[in-house]
Amino acid sequence: MNRRAIVAGVLGIAVGLGGGALAQQTNSGNAADAKAMLQKTISAIKADKARALDMIAKGEDGFLKGDLYPWCFNASDGKIHPFPNLNAKALFGRDERSMIDAAGKNYGQHVFEAAQKPEGVISEVTYLFSKPMEKDKLYMKVSFVTRIGDLGCGVGYYK
C-alpha cells in the first residue's frame, strides 16, 4: 500500500469519527420530540416508578436522545431526582423551587407549580439551561412539565 492511500485512509477514519461526534453534539430535539419523551416518561413511571427513575438517571432505554432527557422531582418537597445531564449533577437532591437561571428567573418555582396541577395537565416553562454536552454555554430551554402520581416530571428542548 502506498503512503497516500494510508494517509487518505487515516484521514477518512478521523473525519468519520469526528463527524459522528459532531452529529451527536448537535442532535437537538424539538417540541414534538420533547412531548413524545414526556409521554414515554409518564408511561414508564406509571408502569414501574423505581425502574423508570433508575433508567432516567442513567439515560438508558431512550431517556437520553441528543440533548433531550426527562427529569423528575418530588411533587411534595421539590427534591430533584438524578437525570442524565451531567452538567447538572449539583442539582440532584436540591429543591426544584430554588432553581434560578442565569438571567435571574426563578424557573424552579414555575416548574414546581406546574406539578401541583392535576395529572394530565401539561404546562410549559421557559428558562436558560446548559445542554448535556456543553457545560459552559447556556441556551433558552422550553420544558413541558406535568404531575405523575407523587412526582413532577418534565422534558425540555433547546431553542
C-alpha atoms as a PDB file:
ATOM      1  CA  MET A   1       0.000   0.000   0.000  1.00  0.00           C
ATOM      2  CA  ASN A   2       1.407   3.366  -0.851  1.00  0.00           C
ATOM      3  CA  ARG A   3       1.786   6.245   1.567  1.00  0.00           C
ATOM      4  CA  ARG A   4      -1.037   8.354   0.018  1.00  0.00           C
ATOM      5  CA  ALA A   5      -3.524   5.518   0.424  1.00  0.00           C
ATOM      6  CA  ILE A   6      -2.592   5.109   4.102  1.00  0.00           C
ATOM      7  CA  VAL A   7      -2.851   8.853   4.799  1.00  0.00           C
ATOM      8  CA  ALA A   8      -6.182   9.041   2.955  1.00  0.00           C
ATOM      9  CA  GLY A   9      -7.484   6.070   4.945  1.00  0.00           C
ATOM     10  CA  VAL A  10      -6.430   7.547   8.288  1.00  0.00           C
ATOM     11  CA  LEU A  11      -7.930  10.929   7.381  1.00  0.00           C
ATOM     12  CA  GLY A  12     -11.145   9.254   6.292  1.00  0.00           C
ATOM     13  CA  ILE A  13     -11.420   7.442   9.617  1.00  0.00           C
ATOM     14  CA  ALA A  14     -10.662  10.633  11.555  1.00  0.00           C
ATOM     15  CA  VAL A  15     -13.242  12.647   9.608  1.00  0.00           C
ATOM     16  CA  GLY A  16     -15.789   9.859  10.034  1.00  0.00           C
ATOM     17  CA  LEU A  17     -15.256   9.677  13.781  1.00  0.00           C
ATOM     18  CA  GLY A  18     -15.192  13.434  14.178  1.00  0.00           C
ATOM     19  CA  GLY A  19     -18.317  13.828  12.091  1.00  0.00           C
ATOM     20  CA  GLY A  20     -20.131  11.293  14.253  1.00  0.00           C
ATOM     21  CA  ALA A  21     -19.170  13.146  17.404  1.00  0.00           C
ATOM     22  CA  LEU A  22     -20.275  16.422  15.869  1.00  0.00           C
ATOM     23  CA  ALA A  23     -23.599  14.912  14.836  1.00  0.00           C
ATOM     24  CA  GLN A  24     -24.099  13.609  18.366  1.00  0.00           C
ATOM     25  CA  GLN A  25     -23.393  17.016  19.902  1.00  0.00           C
ATOM     26  CA  THR A  26     -25.712  18.880  17.544  1.00  0.00           C
ATOM     27  CA  ASN A  27     -28.564  16.366  17.775  1.00  0.00           C
ATOM     28  CA  SER A  28     -31.209  18.772  19.025  1.00  0.00           C
ATOM     29  CA  GLY A  29     -34.751  17.726  19.695  1.00  0.00           C
ATOM     30  CA  ASN A  30     -37.817  19.869  19.095  1.00  0.00           C
ATOM     31  CA  ALA A  31     -41.166  20.430  20.826  1.00  0.00           C
ATOM     32  CA  ALA A  32     -42.748  17.299  19.337  1.00  0.00           C
ATOM     33  CA  ASP A  33     -39.758  15.165  20.400  1.00  0.00           C
ATOM     34  CA  ALA A  34     -39.914  16.573  23.948  1.00  0.00           C
ATOM     35  CA  LYS A  35     -43.651  15.909  24.225  1.00  0.00           C
ATOM     36  CA  ALA A  36     -43.148  12.346  22.958  1.00  0.00           C
ATOM     37  CA  MET A  37     -40.405  11.718  25.536  1.00  0.00           C
ATOM     38  CA  LEU A  38     -42.637  13.147  28.268  1.00  0.00           C
ATOM     39  CA  GLN A  39     -45.373  10.677  27.274  1.00  0.00           C
ATOM     40  CA  LYS A  40     -42.793   7.869  27.389  1.00  0.00           C
ATOM     41  CA  THR A  41     -41.754   9.078  30.859  1.00  0.00           C
ATOM     42  CA  ILE A  42     -45.366   9.109  32.061  1.00  0.00           C
ATOM     43  CA  SER A  43     -45.927   5.548  30.824  1.00  0.00           C
ATOM     44  CA  ALA A  44     -42.678   4.258  32.328  1.00  0.00           C
ATOM     45  CA  ILE A  45     -43.309   5.814  35.753  1.00  0.00           C
ATOM     46  CA  LYS A  46     -46.874   4.522  35.868  1.00  0.00           C
ATOM     47  CA  ALA A  47     -45.617   1.011  34.981  1.00  0.00           C
ATOM     48  CA  ASP A  48     -42.684   0.878  37.451  1.00  0.00           C
ATOM     49  CA  LYS A  49     -41.657   4.099  39.187  1.00  0.00           C
ATOM     50  CA  ALA A  50     -38.375   2.842  40.716  1.00  0.00           C
ATOM     51  CA  ARG A  51     -37.176   1.257  37.468  1.00  0.00           C
ATOM     52  CA  ALA A  52     -38.181   4.320  35.439  1.00  0.00           C
ATOM     53  CA  LEU A  53     -36.301   6.707  37.748  1.00  0.00           C
ATOM     54  CA  ASP A  54     -33.233   4.465  37.513  1.00  0.00           C
ATOM     55  CA  MET A  55     -33.378   4.423  33.690  1.00  0.00           C
ATOM     56  CA  ILE A  56     -33.864   8.193  33.617  1.00  0.00           C
ATOM     57  CA  ALA A  57     -30.863   8.735  35.912  1.00  0.00           C
ATOM     58  CA  LYS A  58     -28.689   6.603  33.633  1.00  0.00           C
ATOM     59  CA  GLY A  59     -30.128   7.918  30.359  1.00  0.00           C
ATOM     60  CA  GLU A  60     -30.992   4.347  29.368  1.00  0.00           C
ATOM     61  CA  ASP A  61     -33.775   2.927  27.199  1.00  0.00           C
ATOM     62  CA  GLY A  62     -34.192   6.079  25.158  1.00  0.00           C
ATOM     63  CA  PHE A  63     -34.255   8.508  28.093  1.00  0.00           C
ATOM     64  CA  LEU A  64     -31.347  10.469  26.599  1.00  0.00           C
ATOM     65  CA  LYS A  65     -31.612  11.316  22.919  1.00  0.00           C
ATOM     66  CA  GLY A  66     -29.214  14.021  21.796  1.00  0.00           C
ATOM     67  CA  ASP A  67     -29.997  16.918  24.123  1.00  0.00           C
ATOM     68  CA  LEU A  68     -33.438  15.619  25.186  1.00  0.00           C
ATOM     69  CA  TYR A  69     -33.875  13.940  28.562  1.00  0.00           C
ATOM     70  CA  PRO A  70     -36.516  13.822  31.284  1.00  0.00           C
ATOM     71  CA  TRP A  71     -36.057  14.898  34.875  1.00  0.00           C
ATOM     72  CA  CYS A  72     -38.295  14.355  37.884  1.00  0.00           C
ATOM     73  CA  PHE A  73     -38.712  15.708  41.394  1.00  0.00           C
ATOM     74  CA  ASN A  74     -40.958  15.036  44.366  1.00  0.00           C
ATOM     75  CA  ALA A  75     -44.190  16.978  43.953  1.00  0.00           C
ATOM     76  CA  SER A  76     -44.376  17.347  47.750  1.00  0.00           C
ATOM     77  CA  ASP A  77     -40.980  18.821  48.650  1.00  0.00           C
ATOM     78  CA  GLY A  78     -39.395  19.593  45.262  1.00  0.00           C
ATOM     79  CA  LYS A  79     -36.409  17.239  45.762  1.00  0.00           C
ATOM     80  CA  ILE A  80     -34.801  16.692  42.346  1.00  0.00           C
ATOM     81  CA  HIS A  81     -34.008  13.105  41.315  1.00  0.00           C
ATOM     82  CA  PRO A  82     -30.868  12.314  39.253  1.00  0.00           C
ATOM     83  CA  PHE A  83     -31.164  12.822  35.483  1.00  0.00           C
ATOM     84  CA  PRO A  84     -28.731  12.323  32.590  1.00  0.00           C
ATOM     85  CA  ASN A  85     -27.412  15.895  32.159  1.00  0.00           C
ATOM     86  CA  LEU A  86     -24.086  15.518  33.962  1.00  0.00           C
ATOM     87  CA  ASN A  87     -23.586  19.288  33.891  1.00  0.00           C
ATOM     88  CA  ALA A  88     -26.479  19.478  36.355  1.00  0.00           C
ATOM     89  CA  LYS A  89     -25.223  16.948  38.938  1.00  0.00           C
ATOM     90  CA  ALA A  90     -25.068  19.685  41.584  1.00  0.00           C
ATOM     91  CA  LEU A  91     -28.867  19.999  41.327  1.00  0.00           C
ATOM     92  CA  PHE A  92     -29.574  16.396  42.356  1.00  0.00           C
ATOM     93  CA  GLY A  93     -31.305  16.365  45.753  1.00  0.00           C
ATOM     94  CA  ARG A  94     -31.930  20.113  45.756  1.00  0.00           C
ATOM     95  CA  ASP A  95     -35.359  21.730  45.924  1.00  0.00           C
ATOM     96  CA  GLU A  96     -36.754  22.432  42.446  1.00  0.00           C
ATOM     97  CA  ARG A  97     -38.332  25.641  43.789  1.00  0.00           C
ATOM     98  CA  SER A  98     -34.869  27.129  44.397  1.00  0.00           C
ATOM     99  CA  MET A  99     -33.694  26.872  40.758  1.00  0.00           C
ATOM    100  CA  ILE A 100     -32.784  30.258  39.281  1.00  0.00           C
ATOM    101  CA  ASP A 101     -31.371  30.656  35.773  1.00  0.00           C
ATOM    102  CA  ALA A 102     -28.523  32.941  34.664  1.00  0.00           C
ATOM    103  CA  ALA A 103     -30.985  35.744  33.897  1.00  0.00           C
ATOM    104  CA  GLY A 104     -32.266  35.642  37.490  1.00  0.00           C
ATOM    105  CA  LYS A 105     -35.576  33.927  36.682  1.00  0.00           C
ATOM    106  CA  ASN A 106     -36.833  31.590  39.414  1.00  0.00           C
ATOM    107  CA  TYR A 107     -37.925  28.997  36.866  1.00  0.00           C
ATOM    108  CA  GLY A 108     -37.916  26.261  39.501  1.00  0.00           C
ATOM    109  CA  GLN A 109     -40.918  27.790  41.238  1.00  0.00           C
ATOM    110  CA  HIS A 110     -42.812  27.772  37.914  1.00  0.00           C
ATOM    111  CA  VAL A 111     -41.810  24.138  37.308  1.00  0.00           C
ATOM    112  CA  PHE A 112     -42.919  23.188  40.832  1.00  0.00           C
ATOM    113  CA  GLU A 113     -46.259  24.987  40.401  1.00  0.00           C
ATOM    114  CA  ALA A 114     -46.837  23.125  37.128  1.00  0.00           C
ATOM    115  CA  ALA A 115     -46.505  19.831  39.030  1.00  0.00           C
ATOM    116  CA  GLN A 116     -49.170  20.913  41.513  1.00  0.00           C
ATOM    117  CA  LYS A 117     -51.814  20.870  38.772  1.00  0.00           C
ATOM    118  CA  PRO A 118     -53.922  17.739  38.259  1.00  0.00           C
ATOM    119  CA  GLU A 119     -52.387  14.782  36.439  1.00  0.00           C
ATOM    120  CA  GLY A 120     -52.751  15.076  32.696  1.00  0.00           C
ATOM    121  CA  VAL A 121     -52.238  18.849  32.630  1.00  0.00           C
ATOM    122  CA  ILE A 122     -49.012  19.750  30.820  1.00  0.00           C
ATOM    123  CA  SER A 123     -47.524  23.196  31.412  1.00  0.00           C
ATOM    124  CA  GLU A 124     -44.759  24.980  29.518  1.00  0.00           C
ATOM    125  CA  VAL A 125     -41.868  26.704  31.329  1.00  0.00           C
ATOM    126  CA  THR A 126     -39.067  28.651  29.589  1.00  0.00           C
ATOM    127  CA  TYR A 127     -35.614  29.367  31.075  1.00  0.00           C
ATOM    128  CA  LEU A 128     -31.844  29.315  30.397  1.00  0.00           C
ATOM    129  CA  PHE A 129     -30.015  25.990  30.884  1.00  0.00           C
ATOM    130  CA  SER A 130     -26.919  24.129  29.670  1.00  0.00           C
ATOM    131  CA  LYS A 131     -27.052  21.220  27.225  1.00  0.00           C
ATOM    132  CA  PRO A 132     -25.743  17.811  28.327  1.00  0.00           C
ATOM    133  CA  MET A 133     -22.542  18.066  26.243  1.00  0.00           C
ATOM    134  CA  GLU A 134     -21.927  21.834  26.540  1.00  0.00           C
ATOM    135  CA  LYS A 135     -21.132  22.841  30.091  1.00  0.00           C
ATOM    136  CA  ASP A 136     -20.082  26.443  29.519  1.00  0.00           C
ATOM    137  CA  LYS A 137     -22.869  27.635  27.231  1.00  0.00           C
ATOM    138  CA  LEU A 138     -26.471  28.449  28.107  1.00  0.00           C
ATOM    139  CA  TYR A 139     -29.472  28.081  25.814  1.00  0.00           C
ATOM    140  CA  MET A 140     -33.103  29.026  26.030  1.00  0.00           C
ATOM    141  CA  LYS A 141     -34.942  25.861  27.075  1.00  0.00           C
ATOM    142  CA  VAL A 142     -38.671  25.195  26.838  1.00  0.00           C
ATOM    143  CA  SER A 143     -39.831  22.417  29.148  1.00  0.00           C
ATOM    144  CA  PHE A 144     -43.127  20.563  29.261  1.00  0.00           C
ATOM    145  CA  VAL A 145     -43.930  19.696  32.878  1.00  0.00           C
ATOM    146  CA  THR A 146     -46.646  17.510  34.404  1.00  0.00           C
ATOM    147  CA  ARG A 147     -47.568  15.608  37.530  1.00  0.00           C
ATOM    148  CA  ILE A 148     -47.234  11.819  37.560  1.00  0.00           C
ATOM    149  CA  GLY A 149     -48.509  10.448  40.872  1.00  0.00           C
ATOM    150  CA  ASP A 150     -46.293  11.917  43.581  1.00  0.00           C
ATOM    151  CA  LEU A 151     -43.725  13.228  41.103  1.00  0.00           C
ATOM    152  CA  GLY A 152     -43.372  16.243  38.905  1.00  0.00           C
ATOM    153  CA  CYS A 153     -41.551  15.469  35.656  1.00  0.00           C
ATOM    154  CA  GLY A 154     -40.506  17.429  32.634  1.00  0.00           C
ATOM    155  CA  VAL A 155     -38.784  17.178  29.293  1.00  0.00           C
ATOM    156  CA  GLY A 156     -37.443  20.241  27.537  1.00  0.00           C
ATOM    157  CA  TYR A 157     -35.945  21.155  24.220  1.00  0.00           C
ATOM    158  CA  TYR A 158     -33.390  23.854  23.499  1.00  0.00           C
ATOM    159  CA  LYS A 159     -34.130  26.722  21.121  1.00  0.00           C
END
